[in-house]
Amino acid sequence: MWKNPKVWSLAIAETIAWAGIFYLFPAMLMRWEAYFGWSRVELTFGFTGALIISAATGVFAGRLIDRGHGRILMTASAFTGGLLIAMLPLLQHLWQFYLIWLLIGFTMAGCLYEPCFAFLTHVYYPKSKRPIIMVTLVAGFAGTLCFPLPASLQ
């Protein structure tokens, strides 16, 4: 399994997805507070909304994966999540911030661990344990990649 380039590609993609969509929020929270002038409570409400949307739409994502659309779902979700994150500096109003994070919630349901593990189980069953472990180990470095970012931007 450690020599499978497809699993390595997915592990690296998961690392980037977690760093860019999930861990980016706590890593950038204080910078956004200073940049936008909104309170920490107001900002974290957006992330809370994203988590609720992700939880609510996760079942739909699982059904798509079970029907064989996991690769398309995960790719489209990660790409769309990246585009939405790139739009954050352009925002002017708090409602726009909330809207972006609610939309990011849909992408979370399609590209973070839950859909990834469902996809790996779908593709590698009954030997999906090792690919899941590999992705988990590699993607565990997402926080290590993401948290130094704000310091390097100063």
Protein backbone atom coordinates (compact mmCIF):
# COMPACT_ATOMS: atom_id res chain seq x y z
CA MET A 1 0.00 0.00 0.00
CA TRP A 2 2.85 2.39 0.77
CA LYS A 3 3.92 2.13 -2.88
CA ASN A 4 0.49 2.89 -4.34
CA PRO A 5 0.69 6.32 -6.06
CA LYS A 6 -3.10 6.70 -6.05
CA VAL A 7 -3.28 6.40 -2.28
CA TRP A 8 -0.30 8.75 -1.90
CA SER A 9 -2.02 11.29 -4.15
CA LEU A 10 -5.19 11.07 -2.10
CA ALA A 11 -3.22 11.38 1.15
CA ILE A 12 -1.48 14.53 -0.08
CA ALA A 13 -4.77 15.93 -1.38
CA GLU A 14 -6.40 15.30 2.02
CA THR A 15 -3.51 17.08 3.73
CA ILE A 16 -4.01 20.12 1.51
CA ALA A 17 -7.81 19.99 1.91
CA TRP A 18 -7.61 19.84 5.70
CA ALA A 19 -4.99 22.59 5.85
CA GLY A 20 -6.78 24.85 3.39
CA ILE A 21 -10.40 24.32 4.39
CA PHE A 22 -10.50 23.24 8.04
CA TYR A 23 -7.33 24.30 9.88
CA LEU A 24 -7.13 27.58 8.01
CA PHE A 25 -9.97 28.96 10.13
CA PRO A 26 -8.29 28.72 13.55
CA ALA A 27 -4.92 29.58 12.03
CA MET A 28 -6.23 32.80 10.50
CA LEU A 29 -8.87 33.76 13.08
CA MET A 30 -6.88 36.53 14.79
CA ARG A 31 -5.71 37.96 11.47
CA TRP A 32 -9.30 38.03 10.18
CA GLU A 33 -10.41 39.68 13.40
CA ALA A 34 -7.91 42.49 12.81
CA TYR A 35 -8.43 42.66 9.03
CA PHE A 36 -12.23 42.67 8.94
CA GLY A 37 -12.87 44.33 12.31
CA TRP A 38 -15.45 41.72 13.32
CA SER A 39 -15.45 40.03 16.71
CA ARG A 40 -14.15 36.54 17.25
CA VAL A 41 -17.67 35.40 18.15
CA GLU A 42 -19.05 36.79 14.88
CA LEU A 43 -16.30 35.09 12.89
CA THR A 44 -16.60 31.70 14.57
CA PHE A 45 -20.34 31.71 13.93
CA GLY A 46 -19.46 31.31 10.23
CA PHE A 47 -17.30 28.26 10.91
CA THR A 48 -20.01 26.78 13.12
CA GLY A 49 -22.44 27.16 10.23
CA ALA A 50 -20.00 25.37 7.94
CA LEU A 51 -19.77 22.44 10.34
CA ILE A 52 -23.56 22.21 10.60
CA ILE A 53 -23.96 22.25 6.81
CA SER A 54 -21.21 19.64 6.48
CA ALA A 55 -22.93 17.35 8.97
CA ALA A 56 -26.33 17.83 7.35
CA THR A 57 -25.09 17.09 3.83
CA GLY A 58 -22.65 14.31 4.67
CA VAL A 59 -25.25 11.60 4.10
CA PHE A 60 -25.87 12.89 0.57
CA ALA A 61 -22.11 12.85 -0.08
CA GLY A 62 -21.96 9.26 1.17
CA ARG A 63 -24.71 8.25 -1.22
CA LEU A 64 -22.82 9.77 -4.14
CA ILE A 65 -19.69 7.87 -3.12
CA ASP A 66 -21.66 4.61 -2.82
CA ARG A 67 -22.94 5.17 -6.37
CA GLY A 68 -19.37 5.43 -7.67
CA HIS A 69 -19.06 9.22 -7.89
CA GLY A 70 -16.50 9.63 -5.11
CA ARG A 71 -13.63 10.76 -7.29
CA ILE A 72 -15.68 13.50 -8.95
CA LEU A 73 -17.27 14.57 -5.65
CA MET A 74 -13.98 14.84 -3.80
CA THR A 75 -12.20 16.65 -6.62
CA ALA A 76 -15.02 19.13 -7.20
CA SER A 77 -15.44 19.75 -3.47
CA ALA A 78 -11.75 20.42 -2.86
CA PHE A 79 -11.49 22.69 -5.90
CA THR A 80 -14.65 24.62 -4.98
CA GLY A 81 -13.51 24.91 -1.37
CA GLY A 82 -10.23 26.40 -2.55
CA LEU A 83 -12.03 28.94 -4.72
CA LEU A 84 -14.28 29.95 -1.84
CA ILE A 85 -11.29 30.36 0.49
CA ALA A 86 -9.59 32.52 -2.15
CA MET A 87 -12.62 34.83 -2.11
CA LEU A 88 -12.34 35.60 1.62
CA PRO A 89 -10.03 38.64 1.29
CA LEU A 90 -12.51 40.23 -1.13
CA LEU A 91 -15.40 40.30 1.34
CA GLN A 92 -16.83 43.56 2.63
CA HIS A 93 -19.71 42.47 4.88
CA LEU A 94 -20.23 39.91 7.61
CA TRP A 95 -23.16 38.29 5.77
CA GLN A 96 -20.79 37.58 2.85
CA PHE A 97 -18.38 35.88 5.26
CA TYR A 98 -21.25 33.74 6.56
CA LEU A 99 -22.39 32.86 3.05
CA ILE A 100 -18.88 31.80 2.01
CA TRP A 101 -18.50 29.61 5.09
CA LEU A 102 -21.92 28.03 4.63
CA LEU A 103 -20.90 27.14 1.07
CA ILE A 104 -17.58 25.82 2.38
CA GLY A 105 -19.64 23.54 4.63
CA PHE A 106 -20.96 21.80 1.51
CA THR A 107 -17.39 21.30 0.27
CA MET A 108 -16.31 19.92 3.66
CA ALA A 109 -18.97 17.22 3.33
CA GLY A 110 -17.44 16.22 0.01
CA CYS A 111 -13.70 16.22 0.62
CA LEU A 112 -12.63 15.79 4.25
CA TYR A 113 -12.04 12.51 6.14
CA GLU A 114 -15.56 11.07 6.12
CA PRO A 115 -15.97 11.05 2.33
CA CYS A 116 -12.34 10.07 1.87
CA PHE A 117 -12.70 7.02 4.10
CA ALA A 118 -15.99 6.08 2.46
CA PHE A 119 -14.28 6.37 -0.94
CA LEU A 120 -11.32 4.24 0.18
CA THR A 121 -13.68 1.63 1.61
CA HIS A 122 -15.66 1.62 -1.64
CA VAL A 123 -12.53 1.21 -3.79
CA TYR A 124 -10.35 -1.09 -1.65
CA TYR A 125 -12.90 -3.19 0.26
CA PRO A 126 -12.16 -5.57 1.99
CA LYS A 127 -8.57 -4.33 2.27
CA SER A 128 -9.33 -0.67 2.97
CA LYS A 129 -7.77 -0.56 6.44
CA ARG A 130 -4.21 0.18 5.28
CA PRO A 131 -5.14 2.95 2.81
CA ILE A 132 -7.24 4.62 5.51
CA ILE A 133 -4.36 4.43 7.99
CA MET A 134 -1.94 5.83 5.42
CA VAL A 135 -4.18 8.78 4.54
CA THR A 136 -4.75 9.49 8.24
CA LEU A 137 -1.03 9.49 8.99
CA VAL A 138 -0.10 11.75 6.07
CA ALA A 139 -3.05 14.14 6.43
CA GLY A 140 -2.24 14.49 10.12
CA PHE A 141 0.42 16.97 9.04
CA ALA A 142 -2.22 19.45 7.84
CA GLY A 143 -2.10 21.48 11.05
CA THR A 144 1.69 21.51 10.91
CA LEU A 145 1.48 23.03 7.44
CA CYS A 146 -1.31 25.48 8.16
CA PHE A 147 -0.48 27.12 11.48
CA PRO A 148 2.93 28.59 10.49
CA LEU A 149 1.24 30.31 7.52
CA PRO A 150 -0.07 33.41 9.35
CA ALA A 151 3.35 34.02 10.90
CA SER A 152 5.03 33.82 7.50
CA LEU A 153 2.56 36.33 6.02
CA GLN A 154 3.50 39.10 8.47
